[in-house]
Amino acid sequence: MARYRGSVCRLCRRETQKLYLKGDRCYSDKCAVERRAYPPGQHGQGRGKLSDYGLQLREKQKVKRMYGLAENQFRLTYKRATRVHGVTGHNLLMLLEIRLDNVVYRLGFAGSRAQARHWVRHGHFTLNGKKVNVPSLKVRVGDVVAVREKSREIAQLKQAMEAVARRQIPAWLEADPGNYQGNVKALPTREELTMPMQEQLIVELYSR
């Protein structure tokens, strides 16, 4: 699978907003968007007005990069969203939110989604007591996500767990840092997703 190996701060600048891809750096004055709030490249400061297609494409790219998915993964998630009863755009965001790597990040067990995905792939987490290493697994209401006992001494994990109290945990999740675990209380609603996302533009793009 193709993997982006460039600067993730460059991706935030391309979308001209914080995508929180760099962990703690995104909350500091070192954030690239704070220092240079314009797209990268020679013509970054001189880009003209986007067309309707351009707006739709940028929105899709922004959400795709925010959750760290490749193009094929994102397209398959969208197709699945079209088959679920309800509003397609809302279904798409819900399917992205209930990915295991995103839940680990949302619980505060990792500084970024990329870090959460890395730790899940290396088997540092369990889902309902069973070791898992698939970041794209979809969690359900009542599921318990926990750090494996053997992994609780990893320095970076311990630092992340200590910072959980300072993180804003979504209402649909409940973190229990003392026991190195968290549980899914409910499925996320559109109102609980506070990042500026216009999912209707993505639906319009794929409906062309």
N, C-alpha and C. Protein backbone atom coordinates (compact mmCIF):
# COMPACT_ATOMS: atom_id res chain seq x y z
N MET A 1 0.84 -1.19 0.00
CA MET A 1 0.00 0.00 0.00
C MET A 1 0.88 1.25 0.00
N ALA A 2 0.50 2.24 -0.79
CA ALA A 2 1.26 3.48 -0.85
C ALA A 2 1.23 4.17 0.51
N ARG A 3 2.34 4.80 0.84
CA ARG A 3 2.45 5.46 2.14
C ARG A 3 3.12 6.81 1.96
N TYR A 4 2.52 7.83 2.54
CA TYR A 4 3.10 9.17 2.46
C TYR A 4 4.27 9.27 3.44
N ARG A 5 5.43 9.67 2.94
CA ARG A 5 6.63 9.75 3.76
C ARG A 5 7.18 11.18 3.88
N GLY A 6 6.43 12.13 3.38
CA GLY A 6 6.88 13.51 3.45
C GLY A 6 6.51 14.17 4.76
N SER A 7 6.64 15.48 4.81
CA SER A 7 6.32 16.25 6.01
C SER A 7 4.81 16.33 6.20
N VAL A 8 4.32 15.88 7.36
CA VAL A 8 2.89 15.96 7.61
C VAL A 8 2.44 17.39 7.86
N CYS A 9 3.37 18.22 8.34
CA CYS A 9 3.03 19.64 8.53
C CYS A 9 2.72 20.29 7.18
N ARG A 10 3.33 19.79 6.14
CA ARG A 10 3.07 20.30 4.79
C ARG A 10 1.62 20.01 4.38
N LEU A 11 1.09 18.87 4.84
CA LEU A 11 -0.29 18.52 4.53
C LEU A 11 -1.26 19.48 5.21
N CYS A 12 -0.95 19.83 6.45
CA CYS A 12 -1.80 20.80 7.16
C CYS A 12 -1.78 22.15 6.44
N ARG A 13 -0.62 22.56 6.01
CA ARG A 13 -0.51 23.84 5.31
C ARG A 13 -1.26 23.80 3.98
N ARG A 14 -1.24 22.64 3.31
CA ARG A 14 -1.95 22.52 2.04
C ARG A 14 -3.45 22.72 2.23
N GLU A 15 -3.96 22.27 3.38
CA GLU A 15 -5.39 22.43 3.65
C GLU A 15 -5.67 23.72 4.43
N THR A 16 -4.61 24.47 4.73
CA THR A 16 -4.69 25.76 5.45
C THR A 16 -5.44 25.67 6.77
N GLN A 17 -5.30 24.53 7.44
CA GLN A 17 -5.86 24.39 8.79
C GLN A 17 -5.18 23.22 9.49
N LYS A 18 -5.27 23.20 10.80
CA LYS A 18 -4.64 22.13 11.57
C LYS A 18 -5.40 20.82 11.39
N LEU A 19 -4.67 19.77 11.04
CA LEU A 19 -5.25 18.43 10.95
C LEU A 19 -4.80 17.57 12.12
N TYR A 20 -3.97 18.13 12.99
CA TYR A 20 -3.47 17.46 14.20
C TYR A 20 -2.79 16.13 13.85
N LEU A 21 -1.84 16.21 12.93
CA LEU A 21 -1.11 15.03 12.47
C LEU A 21 0.22 14.84 13.20
N LYS A 22 0.62 15.84 13.99
CA LYS A 22 1.97 15.82 14.58
C LYS A 22 1.93 15.74 16.11
N GLY A 23 0.79 15.42 16.69
CA GLY A 23 0.72 15.28 18.14
C GLY A 23 0.86 16.60 18.86
N ASP A 24 1.70 16.63 19.89
CA ASP A 24 1.85 17.81 20.75
C ASP A 24 2.34 19.05 19.98
N ARG A 25 3.08 18.83 18.91
CA ARG A 25 3.59 19.97 18.13
C ARG A 25 2.45 20.84 17.60
N CYS A 26 1.32 20.22 17.30
CA CYS A 26 0.18 20.95 16.75
C CYS A 26 -0.41 21.94 17.75
N TYR A 27 -0.16 21.70 19.04
CA TYR A 27 -0.71 22.57 20.08
C TYR A 27 0.30 23.62 20.54
N SER A 28 1.49 23.61 19.94
CA SER A 28 2.54 24.55 20.34
C SER A 28 2.69 25.66 19.31
N ASP A 29 3.54 26.63 19.61
CA ASP A 29 3.78 27.72 18.68
C ASP A 29 4.70 27.31 17.53
N LYS A 30 5.13 26.04 17.51
CA LYS A 30 5.94 25.52 16.42
C LYS A 30 5.09 25.00 15.27
N CYS A 31 3.77 25.00 15.46
CA CYS A 31 2.86 24.50 14.42
C CYS A 31 3.08 25.27 13.12
N ALA A 32 3.22 24.53 12.01
CA ALA A 32 3.51 25.14 10.72
C ALA A 32 2.37 26.04 10.24
N VAL A 33 1.13 25.67 10.56
CA VAL A 33 -0.02 26.48 10.13
C VAL A 33 -0.03 27.82 10.85
N GLU A 34 0.41 27.82 12.12
CA GLU A 34 0.47 29.06 12.88
C GLU A 34 1.57 29.99 12.33
N ARG A 35 2.65 29.38 11.87
CA ARG A 35 3.79 30.19 11.41
C ARG A 35 3.64 30.62 9.95
N ARG A 36 3.08 29.73 9.11
CA ARG A 36 2.90 30.05 7.69
C ARG A 36 1.53 29.57 7.24
N ALA A 37 0.53 30.39 7.42
CA ALA A 37 -0.87 30.01 7.16
C ALA A 37 -1.23 30.18 5.68
N TYR A 38 -0.45 29.53 4.82
CA TYR A 38 -0.74 29.54 3.39
C TYR A 38 -0.18 28.25 2.80
N PRO A 39 -0.71 27.80 1.66
CA PRO A 39 -0.27 26.53 1.07
C PRO A 39 1.22 26.53 0.74
N PRO A 40 1.87 25.37 0.78
CA PRO A 40 3.29 25.29 0.46
C PRO A 40 3.53 25.42 -1.04
N GLY A 41 4.77 25.58 -1.41
CA GLY A 41 5.12 25.65 -2.83
C GLY A 41 5.37 27.07 -3.31
N GLN A 42 5.92 27.14 -4.49
CA GLN A 42 6.33 28.42 -5.07
C GLN A 42 5.15 29.39 -5.23
N HIS A 43 3.97 28.84 -5.55
CA HIS A 43 2.81 29.69 -5.81
C HIS A 43 1.79 29.60 -4.69
N GLY A 44 2.23 29.17 -3.52
CA GLY A 44 1.31 28.97 -2.40
C GLY A 44 0.52 30.20 -2.01
N GLN A 45 1.18 31.37 -2.06
CA GLN A 45 0.51 32.59 -1.62
C GLN A 45 -0.27 33.26 -2.74
N GLY A 46 -0.18 32.70 -3.93
CA GLY A 46 -0.86 33.36 -5.05
C GLY A 46 -1.95 32.51 -5.68
N ARG A 47 -2.42 31.47 -4.96
CA ARG A 47 -3.44 30.59 -5.53
C ARG A 47 -4.76 31.35 -5.67
N GLY A 48 -5.44 31.15 -6.80
CA GLY A 48 -6.70 31.83 -7.05
C GLY A 48 -7.88 31.13 -6.41
N LYS A 49 -9.07 31.59 -6.75
CA LYS A 49 -10.30 31.02 -6.21
C LYS A 49 -10.53 29.63 -6.77
N LEU A 50 -10.95 28.70 -5.92
CA LEU A 50 -11.18 27.32 -6.35
C LEU A 50 -12.53 27.17 -7.03
N SER A 51 -12.59 26.26 -7.97
CA SER A 51 -13.87 25.91 -8.61
C SER A 51 -14.67 25.02 -7.66
N ASP A 52 -15.90 24.70 -8.03
CA ASP A 52 -16.72 23.80 -7.21
C ASP A 52 -16.03 22.45 -7.06
N TYR A 53 -15.48 21.94 -8.17
CA TYR A 53 -14.76 20.67 -8.10
C TYR A 53 -13.54 20.78 -7.19
N GLY A 54 -12.84 21.90 -7.27
CA GLY A 54 -11.67 22.11 -6.42
C GLY A 54 -12.03 22.11 -4.95
N LEU A 55 -13.14 22.74 -4.59
CA LEU A 55 -13.60 22.75 -3.20
C LEU A 55 -13.94 21.35 -2.72
N GLN A 56 -14.60 20.59 -3.58
CA GLN A 56 -14.97 19.22 -3.22
C GLN A 56 -13.73 18.34 -3.05
N LEU A 57 -12.78 18.49 -3.96
CA LEU A 57 -11.55 17.70 -3.89
C LEU A 57 -10.76 18.04 -2.63
N ARG A 58 -10.63 19.32 -2.32
CA ARG A 58 -9.88 19.73 -1.13
C ARG A 58 -10.52 19.19 0.14
N GLU A 59 -11.85 19.17 0.19
CA GLU A 59 -12.53 18.66 1.38
C GLU A 59 -12.29 17.16 1.54
N LYS A 60 -12.33 16.44 0.42
CA LYS A 60 -12.06 15.00 0.47
C LYS A 60 -10.62 14.72 0.90
N GLN A 61 -9.68 15.47 0.34
CA GLN A 61 -8.28 15.30 0.69
C GLN A 61 -8.05 15.63 2.17
N LYS A 62 -8.71 16.67 2.66
CA LYS A 62 -8.54 17.07 4.05
C LYS A 62 -8.99 15.97 5.01
N VAL A 63 -10.19 15.44 4.79
CA VAL A 63 -10.72 14.40 5.68
C VAL A 63 -9.91 13.12 5.56
N LYS A 64 -9.52 12.78 4.33
CA LYS A 64 -8.72 11.57 4.10
C LYS A 64 -7.39 11.65 4.84
N ARG A 65 -6.74 12.81 4.76
CA ARG A 65 -5.45 12.99 5.42
C ARG A 65 -5.61 13.06 6.93
N MET A 66 -6.70 13.65 7.39
CA MET A 66 -6.95 13.77 8.82
C MET A 66 -7.00 12.40 9.49
N TYR A 67 -7.66 11.45 8.82
CA TYR A 67 -7.80 10.11 9.38
C TYR A 67 -6.70 9.16 8.92
N GLY A 68 -5.82 9.63 8.04
CA GLY A 68 -4.66 8.82 7.64
C GLY A 68 -4.97 7.66 6.74
N LEU A 69 -5.94 7.81 5.84
CA LEU A 69 -6.31 6.73 4.94
C LEU A 69 -5.74 6.95 3.55
N ALA A 70 -5.49 5.84 2.86
CA ALA A 70 -5.10 5.91 1.46
C ALA A 70 -6.36 6.11 0.62
N GLU A 71 -6.19 6.45 -0.64
CA GLU A 71 -7.34 6.76 -1.50
C GLU A 71 -8.31 5.58 -1.61
N ASN A 72 -7.78 4.37 -1.83
CA ASN A 72 -8.66 3.20 -1.96
C ASN A 72 -9.41 2.91 -0.68
N GLN A 73 -8.74 3.05 0.47
CA GLN A 73 -9.40 2.83 1.75
C GLN A 73 -10.55 3.82 1.94
N PHE A 74 -10.29 5.07 1.59
CA PHE A 74 -11.30 6.10 1.78
C PHE A 74 -12.50 5.86 0.86
N ARG A 75 -12.22 5.48 -0.38
CA ARG A 75 -13.30 5.22 -1.33
C ARG A 75 -14.15 4.03 -0.89
N LEU A 76 -13.51 2.98 -0.40
CA LEU A 76 -14.26 1.81 0.09
C LEU A 76 -15.12 2.17 1.30
N THR A 77 -14.58 3.04 2.17
CA THR A 77 -15.36 3.49 3.33
C THR A 77 -16.57 4.28 2.87
N TYR A 78 -16.38 5.11 1.85
CA TYR A 78 -17.52 5.87 1.32
C TYR A 78 -18.57 4.93 0.73
N LYS A 79 -18.15 3.93 -0.03
CA LYS A 79 -19.11 2.98 -0.62
C LYS A 79 -19.89 2.26 0.47
N ARG A 80 -19.21 1.93 1.56
CA ARG A 80 -19.90 1.28 2.67
C ARG A 80 -20.91 2.24 3.29
N ALA A 81 -20.55 3.51 3.37
CA ALA A 81 -21.46 4.51 3.95
C ALA A 81 -22.73 4.66 3.12
N THR A 82 -22.62 4.47 1.80
CA THR A 82 -23.80 4.59 0.94
C THR A 82 -24.77 3.43 1.14
N ARG A 83 -24.26 2.32 1.68
CA ARG A 83 -25.12 1.14 1.87
C ARG A 83 -25.78 1.10 3.25
N VAL A 84 -25.39 2.04 4.12
CA VAL A 84 -25.95 2.09 5.47
C VAL A 84 -27.14 3.05 5.48
N HIS A 85 -28.19 2.68 6.21
CA HIS A 85 -29.38 3.54 6.27
C HIS A 85 -29.03 4.86 6.94
N GLY A 86 -29.51 5.96 6.35
CA GLY A 86 -29.26 7.28 6.93
C GLY A 86 -28.60 8.21 5.93
N VAL A 87 -28.08 9.33 6.43
CA VAL A 87 -27.42 10.33 5.58
C VAL A 87 -26.01 9.84 5.25
N THR A 88 -25.68 9.76 3.98
CA THR A 88 -24.40 9.20 3.55
C THR A 88 -23.21 9.93 4.17
N GLY A 89 -23.25 11.25 4.16
CA GLY A 89 -22.14 12.02 4.72
C GLY A 89 -21.92 11.74 6.19
N HIS A 90 -23.01 11.68 6.95
CA HIS A 90 -22.90 11.39 8.38
C HIS A 90 -22.40 9.96 8.60
N ASN A 91 -22.89 9.04 7.77
CA ASN A 91 -22.44 7.65 7.88
C ASN A 91 -20.94 7.53 7.62
N LEU A 92 -20.44 8.30 6.64
CA LEU A 92 -19.02 8.27 6.32
C LEU A 92 -18.18 8.70 7.51
N LEU A 93 -18.55 9.81 8.14
CA LEU A 93 -17.79 10.30 9.28
C LEU A 93 -17.87 9.34 10.46
N MET A 94 -19.04 8.71 10.66
CA MET A 94 -19.19 7.76 11.75
C MET A 94 -18.29 6.54 11.54
N LEU A 95 -18.23 6.05 10.30
CA LEU A 95 -17.38 4.89 10.00
C LEU A 95 -15.90 5.22 10.20
N LEU A 96 -15.52 6.45 9.91
CA LEU A 96 -14.14 6.87 10.14
C LEU A 96 -13.83 6.99 11.63
N GLU A 97 -14.80 7.48 12.39
CA GLU A 97 -14.60 7.68 13.82
C GLU A 97 -14.49 6.37 14.59
N ILE A 98 -15.22 5.34 14.18
CA ILE A 98 -15.23 4.09 14.96
C ILE A 98 -14.12 3.14 14.55
N ARG A 99 -13.20 3.59 13.71
CA ARG A 99 -12.00 2.78 13.45
C ARG A 99 -11.21 2.64 14.74
N LEU A 100 -10.59 1.50 14.94
CA LEU A 100 -9.86 1.23 16.17
C LEU A 100 -8.73 2.23 16.39
N ASP A 101 -7.97 2.55 15.34
CA ASP A 101 -6.86 3.50 15.53
C ASP A 101 -7.37 4.88 15.95
N ASN A 102 -8.52 5.30 15.40
CA ASN A 102 -9.08 6.59 15.79
C ASN A 102 -9.57 6.57 17.23
N VAL A 103 -10.17 5.45 17.65
CA VAL A 103 -10.66 5.33 19.03
C VAL A 103 -9.49 5.40 20.02
N VAL A 104 -8.38 4.74 19.69
CA VAL A 104 -7.19 4.80 20.53
C VAL A 104 -6.72 6.24 20.66
N TYR A 105 -6.73 6.96 19.55
CA TYR A 105 -6.33 8.38 19.56
C TYR A 105 -7.32 9.22 20.36
N ARG A 106 -8.60 9.01 20.13
CA ARG A 106 -9.63 9.79 20.82
C ARG A 106 -9.62 9.54 22.33
N LEU A 107 -9.25 8.36 22.74
CA LEU A 107 -9.17 8.05 24.17
C LEU A 107 -7.96 8.71 24.83
N GLY A 108 -7.07 9.25 24.01
CA GLY A 108 -5.88 9.91 24.55
C GLY A 108 -4.71 8.98 24.76
N PHE A 109 -4.79 7.75 24.23
CA PHE A 109 -3.72 6.79 24.42
C PHE A 109 -2.57 6.99 23.43
N ALA A 110 -2.73 7.94 22.51
CA ALA A 110 -1.68 8.25 21.53
C ALA A 110 -1.76 9.74 21.21
N GLY A 111 -0.63 10.32 20.82
CA GLY A 111 -0.58 11.74 20.54
C GLY A 111 -1.14 12.11 19.19
N SER A 112 -1.22 11.14 18.27
CA SER A 112 -1.75 11.40 16.93
C SER A 112 -2.35 10.10 16.40
N ARG A 113 -3.12 10.20 15.33
CA ARG A 113 -3.70 8.99 14.74
C ARG A 113 -2.62 8.11 14.13
N ALA A 114 -1.58 8.73 13.60
CA ALA A 114 -0.47 7.95 13.02
C ALA A 114 0.21 7.12 14.11
N GLN A 115 0.42 7.72 15.27
CA GLN A 115 1.03 6.99 16.38
C GLN A 115 0.11 5.88 16.88
N ALA A 116 -1.18 6.18 16.94
CA ALA A 116 -2.16 5.16 17.36
C ALA A 116 -2.16 3.99 16.39
N ARG A 117 -2.12 4.28 15.09
CA ARG A 117 -2.11 3.23 14.07
C ARG A 117 -0.85 2.38 14.20
N HIS A 118 0.28 3.01 14.46
CA HIS A 118 1.55 2.30 14.62
C HIS A 118 1.49 1.34 15.79
N TRP A 119 0.96 1.80 16.93
CA TRP A 119 0.90 0.95 18.12
C TRP A 119 -0.10 -0.19 17.96
N VAL A 120 -1.20 0.09 17.28
CA VAL A 120 -2.18 -0.99 17.05
C VAL A 120 -1.57 -2.05 16.15
N ARG A 121 -0.88 -1.62 15.10
CA ARG A 121 -0.26 -2.57 14.17
C ARG A 121 0.75 -3.47 14.88
N HIS A 122 1.42 -2.94 15.89
CA HIS A 122 2.43 -3.70 16.60
C HIS A 122 1.86 -4.48 17.79
N GLY A 123 0.55 -4.54 17.87
CA GLY A 123 -0.10 -5.40 18.85
C GLY A 123 -0.03 -4.94 20.29
N HIS A 124 0.00 -3.63 20.51
CA HIS A 124 0.08 -3.12 21.88
C HIS A 124 -1.29 -2.94 22.54
N PHE A 125 -2.37 -3.21 21.79
CA PHE A 125 -3.71 -3.02 22.34
C PHE A 125 -4.55 -4.29 22.23
N THR A 126 -5.55 -4.37 23.09
CA THR A 126 -6.51 -5.47 23.03
C THR A 126 -7.91 -4.90 22.85
N LEU A 127 -8.77 -5.67 22.23
CA LEU A 127 -10.17 -5.30 22.06
C LEU A 127 -11.00 -6.40 22.71
N ASN A 128 -11.68 -6.04 23.78
CA ASN A 128 -12.46 -7.01 24.57
C ASN A 128 -11.60 -8.18 25.04
N GLY A 129 -10.36 -7.85 25.44
CA GLY A 129 -9.46 -8.86 26.00
C GLY A 129 -8.65 -9.64 24.99
N LYS A 130 -8.88 -9.41 23.69
CA LYS A 130 -8.15 -10.15 22.66
C LYS A 130 -7.17 -9.22 21.95
N LYS A 131 -5.96 -9.70 21.75
CA LYS A 131 -4.94 -8.92 21.06
C LYS A 131 -5.38 -8.63 19.62
N VAL A 132 -5.22 -7.38 19.20
CA VAL A 132 -5.58 -7.00 17.83
C VAL A 132 -4.43 -6.21 17.21
N ASN A 133 -4.33 -6.30 15.89
CA ASN A 133 -3.28 -5.54 15.19
C ASN A 133 -3.79 -5.00 13.86
N VAL A 134 -5.11 -4.76 13.78
CA VAL A 134 -5.73 -4.23 12.56
C VAL A 134 -6.33 -2.86 12.87
N PRO A 135 -5.67 -1.77 12.45
CA PRO A 135 -6.14 -0.42 12.77
C PRO A 135 -7.54 -0.10 12.25
N SER A 136 -7.96 -0.76 11.16
CA SER A 136 -9.24 -0.43 10.54
C SER A 136 -10.43 -1.16 11.17
N LEU A 137 -10.20 -1.97 12.19
CA LEU A 137 -11.31 -2.66 12.85
C LEU A 137 -12.33 -1.64 13.34
N LYS A 138 -13.63 -1.97 13.20
CA LYS A 138 -14.70 -1.09 13.65
C LYS A 138 -15.15 -1.51 15.04
N VAL A 139 -15.16 -0.56 15.98
CA VAL A 139 -15.60 -0.87 17.34
C VAL A 139 -17.11 -0.79 17.41
N ARG A 140 -17.68 -1.41 18.46
CA ARG A 140 -19.12 -1.39 18.68
C ARG A 140 -19.40 -0.87 20.09
N VAL A 141 -20.65 -0.54 20.33
CA VAL A 141 -21.05 -0.07 21.65
C VAL A 141 -20.77 -1.17 22.67
N GLY A 142 -20.11 -0.82 23.77
CA GLY A 142 -19.78 -1.79 24.81
C GLY A 142 -18.39 -2.38 24.70
N ASP A 143 -17.72 -2.14 23.58
CA ASP A 143 -16.36 -2.66 23.40
C ASP A 143 -15.39 -1.98 24.38
N VAL A 144 -14.40 -2.75 24.82
CA VAL A 144 -13.38 -2.24 25.73
C VAL A 144 -12.02 -2.31 25.03
N VAL A 145 -11.37 -1.16 24.91
CA VAL A 145 -10.04 -1.06 24.30
C VAL A 145 -9.03 -0.85 25.42
N ALA A 146 -8.01 -1.69 25.47
CA ALA A 146 -7.04 -1.62 26.57
C ALA A 146 -5.63 -1.80 26.07
N VAL A 147 -4.68 -1.25 26.83
CA VAL A 147 -3.27 -1.44 26.53
C VAL A 147 -2.86 -2.80 27.08
N ARG A 148 -2.15 -3.59 26.28
CA ARG A 148 -1.70 -4.91 26.74
C ARG A 148 -0.78 -4.75 27.95
N GLU A 149 -0.87 -5.70 28.84
CA GLU A 149 -0.08 -5.62 30.07
C GLU A 149 1.41 -5.53 29.79
N LYS A 150 1.88 -6.25 28.78
CA LYS A 150 3.30 -6.24 28.45
C LYS A 150 3.74 -4.91 27.86
N SER A 151 2.79 -4.12 27.36
CA SER A 151 3.12 -2.86 26.69
C SER A 151 3.02 -1.65 27.60
N ARG A 152 2.59 -1.83 28.82
CA ARG A 152 2.34 -0.69 29.71
C ARG A 152 3.61 -0.02 30.21
N GLU A 153 4.76 -0.63 29.98
CA GLU A 153 6.01 -0.03 30.42
C GLU A 153 6.71 0.76 29.33
N ILE A 154 6.11 0.80 28.12
CA ILE A 154 6.69 1.58 27.04
C ILE A 154 6.62 3.06 27.41
N ALA A 155 7.74 3.75 27.34
CA ALA A 155 7.83 5.14 27.82
C ALA A 155 6.82 6.06 27.14
N GLN A 156 6.70 5.98 25.82
CA GLN A 156 5.79 6.87 25.09
C GLN A 156 4.34 6.60 25.46
N LEU A 157 4.02 5.34 25.66
CA LEU A 157 2.65 4.98 26.05
C LEU A 157 2.34 5.51 27.45
N LYS A 158 3.29 5.39 28.33
CA LYS A 158 3.09 5.88 29.70
C LYS A 158 2.91 7.39 29.70
N GLN A 159 3.68 8.10 28.89
CA GLN A 159 3.54 9.55 28.80
C GLN A 159 2.16 9.93 28.26
N ALA A 160 1.70 9.18 27.26
CA ALA A 160 0.37 9.46 26.69
C ALA A 160 -0.72 9.22 27.73
N MET A 161 -0.57 8.15 28.49
CA MET A 161 -1.58 7.83 29.51
C MET A 161 -1.61 8.91 30.59
N GLU A 162 -0.45 9.45 30.93
CA GLU A 162 -0.39 10.50 31.94
C GLU A 162 -1.05 11.78 31.46
N ALA A 163 -1.09 11.96 30.14
CA ALA A 163 -1.67 13.18 29.57
C ALA A 163 -3.16 13.05 29.29
N VAL A 164 -3.75 11.87 29.53
CA VAL A 164 -5.16 11.65 29.23
C VAL A 164 -6.04 12.65 29.96
N ALA A 165 -5.69 12.93 31.21
CA ALA A 165 -6.51 13.85 32.01
C ALA A 165 -6.59 15.24 31.39
N ARG A 166 -5.56 15.61 30.59
CA ARG A 166 -5.55 16.93 29.96
C ARG A 166 -6.24 16.95 28.61
N ARG A 167 -6.59 15.76 28.09
CA ARG A 167 -7.23 15.67 26.78
C ARG A 167 -8.74 15.72 26.92
N GLN A 168 -9.40 16.24 25.92
CA GLN A 168 -10.86 16.28 25.91
C GLN A 168 -11.36 15.00 25.26
N ILE A 169 -11.92 14.12 26.07
CA ILE A 169 -12.42 12.84 25.57
C ILE A 169 -13.85 13.02 25.08
N PRO A 170 -14.18 12.55 23.86
CA PRO A 170 -15.55 12.69 23.36
C PRO A 170 -16.56 12.02 24.28
N ALA A 171 -17.79 12.52 24.27
CA ALA A 171 -18.83 12.01 25.17
C ALA A 171 -19.19 10.56 24.87
N TRP A 172 -18.95 10.10 23.64
CA TRP A 172 -19.33 8.73 23.30
C TRP A 172 -18.28 7.70 23.75
N LEU A 173 -17.18 8.20 24.31
CA LEU A 173 -16.13 7.32 24.85
C LEU A 173 -15.92 7.61 26.33
N GLU A 174 -15.37 6.63 27.02
CA GLU A 174 -15.04 6.81 28.43
C GLU A 174 -13.66 6.23 28.69
N ALA A 175 -12.74 7.07 29.16
CA ALA A 175 -11.37 6.64 29.41
C ALA A 175 -11.17 6.29 30.88
N ASP A 176 -10.42 5.23 31.11
CA ASP A 176 -10.05 4.80 32.47
C ASP A 176 -8.54 4.62 32.49
N PRO A 177 -7.79 5.74 32.56
CA PRO A 177 -6.32 5.65 32.48
C PRO A 177 -5.70 4.84 33.61
N GLY A 178 -6.36 4.79 34.77
CA GLY A 178 -5.81 4.01 35.88
C GLY A 178 -5.70 2.53 35.56
N ASN A 179 -6.63 2.05 34.72
CA ASN A 179 -6.61 0.64 34.31
C ASN A 179 -6.13 0.47 32.87
N TYR A 180 -5.57 1.53 32.30
CA TYR A 180 -5.05 1.50 30.93
C TYR A 180 -6.10 1.02 29.93
N GLN A 181 -7.32 1.51 30.07
CA GLN A 181 -8.36 1.08 29.15
C GLN A 181 -9.43 2.16 28.97
N GLY A 182 -10.28 1.94 28.00
CA GLY A 182 -11.41 2.83 27.74
C GLY A 182 -12.51 2.01 27.11
N ASN A 183 -13.72 2.53 27.15
CA ASN A 183 -14.82 1.77 26.56
C ASN A 183 -15.69 2.68 25.69
N VAL A 184 -16.42 2.04 24.76
CA VAL A 184 -17.29 2.74 23.83
C VAL A 184 -18.70 2.77 24.42
N LYS A 185 -19.15 3.96 24.81
CA LYS A 185 -20.46 4.09 25.44
C LYS A 185 -21.59 4.18 24.41
N ALA A 186 -21.30 4.76 23.27
CA ALA A 186 -22.31 4.93 22.22
C ALA A 186 -21.61 5.19 20.90
N LEU A 187 -22.37 5.19 19.83
CA LEU A 187 -21.81 5.55 18.53
C LEU A 187 -21.78 7.08 18.42
N PRO A 188 -20.78 7.63 17.77
CA PRO A 188 -20.68 9.10 17.68
C PRO A 188 -21.80 9.70 16.83
N THR A 189 -22.26 10.88 17.20
CA THR A 189 -23.23 11.62 16.41
C THR A 189 -22.51 12.74 15.66
N ARG A 190 -23.17 13.28 14.66
CA ARG A 190 -22.55 14.35 13.87
C ARG A 190 -22.22 15.56 14.73
N GLU A 191 -23.08 15.85 15.70
CA GLU A 191 -22.87 17.02 16.55
C GLU A 191 -21.62 16.90 17.42
N GLU A 192 -21.17 15.67 17.67
CA GLU A 192 -20.01 15.46 18.54
C GLU A 192 -18.69 15.57 17.78
N LEU A 193 -18.75 15.67 16.47
CA LEU A 193 -17.54 15.80 15.66
C LEU A 193 -17.31 17.28 15.41
N THR A 194 -16.40 17.86 16.18
CA THR A 194 -16.23 19.31 16.19
C THR A 194 -15.25 19.83 15.14
N MET A 195 -14.49 18.94 14.52
CA MET A 195 -13.57 19.41 13.48
C MET A 195 -14.36 19.98 12.30
N PRO A 196 -13.89 21.07 11.69
CA PRO A 196 -14.62 21.67 10.56
C PRO A 196 -14.57 20.78 9.33
N MET A 197 -15.62 20.02 9.11
CA MET A 197 -15.70 19.12 7.96
C MET A 197 -17.03 19.33 7.26
N GLN A 198 -16.98 19.43 5.94
CA GLN A 198 -18.19 19.58 5.14
C GLN A 198 -18.38 18.30 4.32
N GLU A 199 -18.94 17.31 4.97
CA GLU A 199 -19.05 15.99 4.35
C GLU A 199 -19.91 16.00 3.09
N GLN A 200 -20.83 16.96 2.96
CA GLN A 200 -21.68 17.01 1.78
C GLN A 200 -20.86 17.25 0.52
N LEU A 201 -19.76 17.98 0.64
CA LEU A 201 -18.89 18.22 -0.51
C LEU A 201 -18.25 16.91 -0.98
N ILE A 202 -17.92 16.03 -0.04
CA ILE A 202 -17.34 14.72 -0.40
C ILE A 202 -18.37 13.88 -1.12
N VAL A 203 -19.60 13.91 -0.63
CA VAL A 203 -20.69 13.16 -1.28
C VAL A 203 -20.90 13.67 -2.70
N GLU A 204 -20.87 14.97 -2.86
CA GLU A 204 -21.05 15.56 -4.20
C GLU A 204 -19.91 15.16 -5.12
N LEU A 205 -18.69 15.09 -4.59
CA LEU A 205 -17.53 14.70 -5.40
C LEU A 205 -17.68 13.28 -5.92
N TYR A 206 -18.02 12.35 -5.03
CA TYR A 206 -18.14 10.95 -5.44
C TYR A 206 -19.41 10.67 -6.23
N SER A 207 -20.35 11.61 -6.22
CA SER A 207 -21.59 11.43 -6.96
C SER A 207 -21.49 11.95 -8.39
N ARG A 208 -20.35 12.52 -8.75
CA ARG A 208 -20.19 13.07 -10.11
C ARG A 208 -20.29 11.98 -11.17
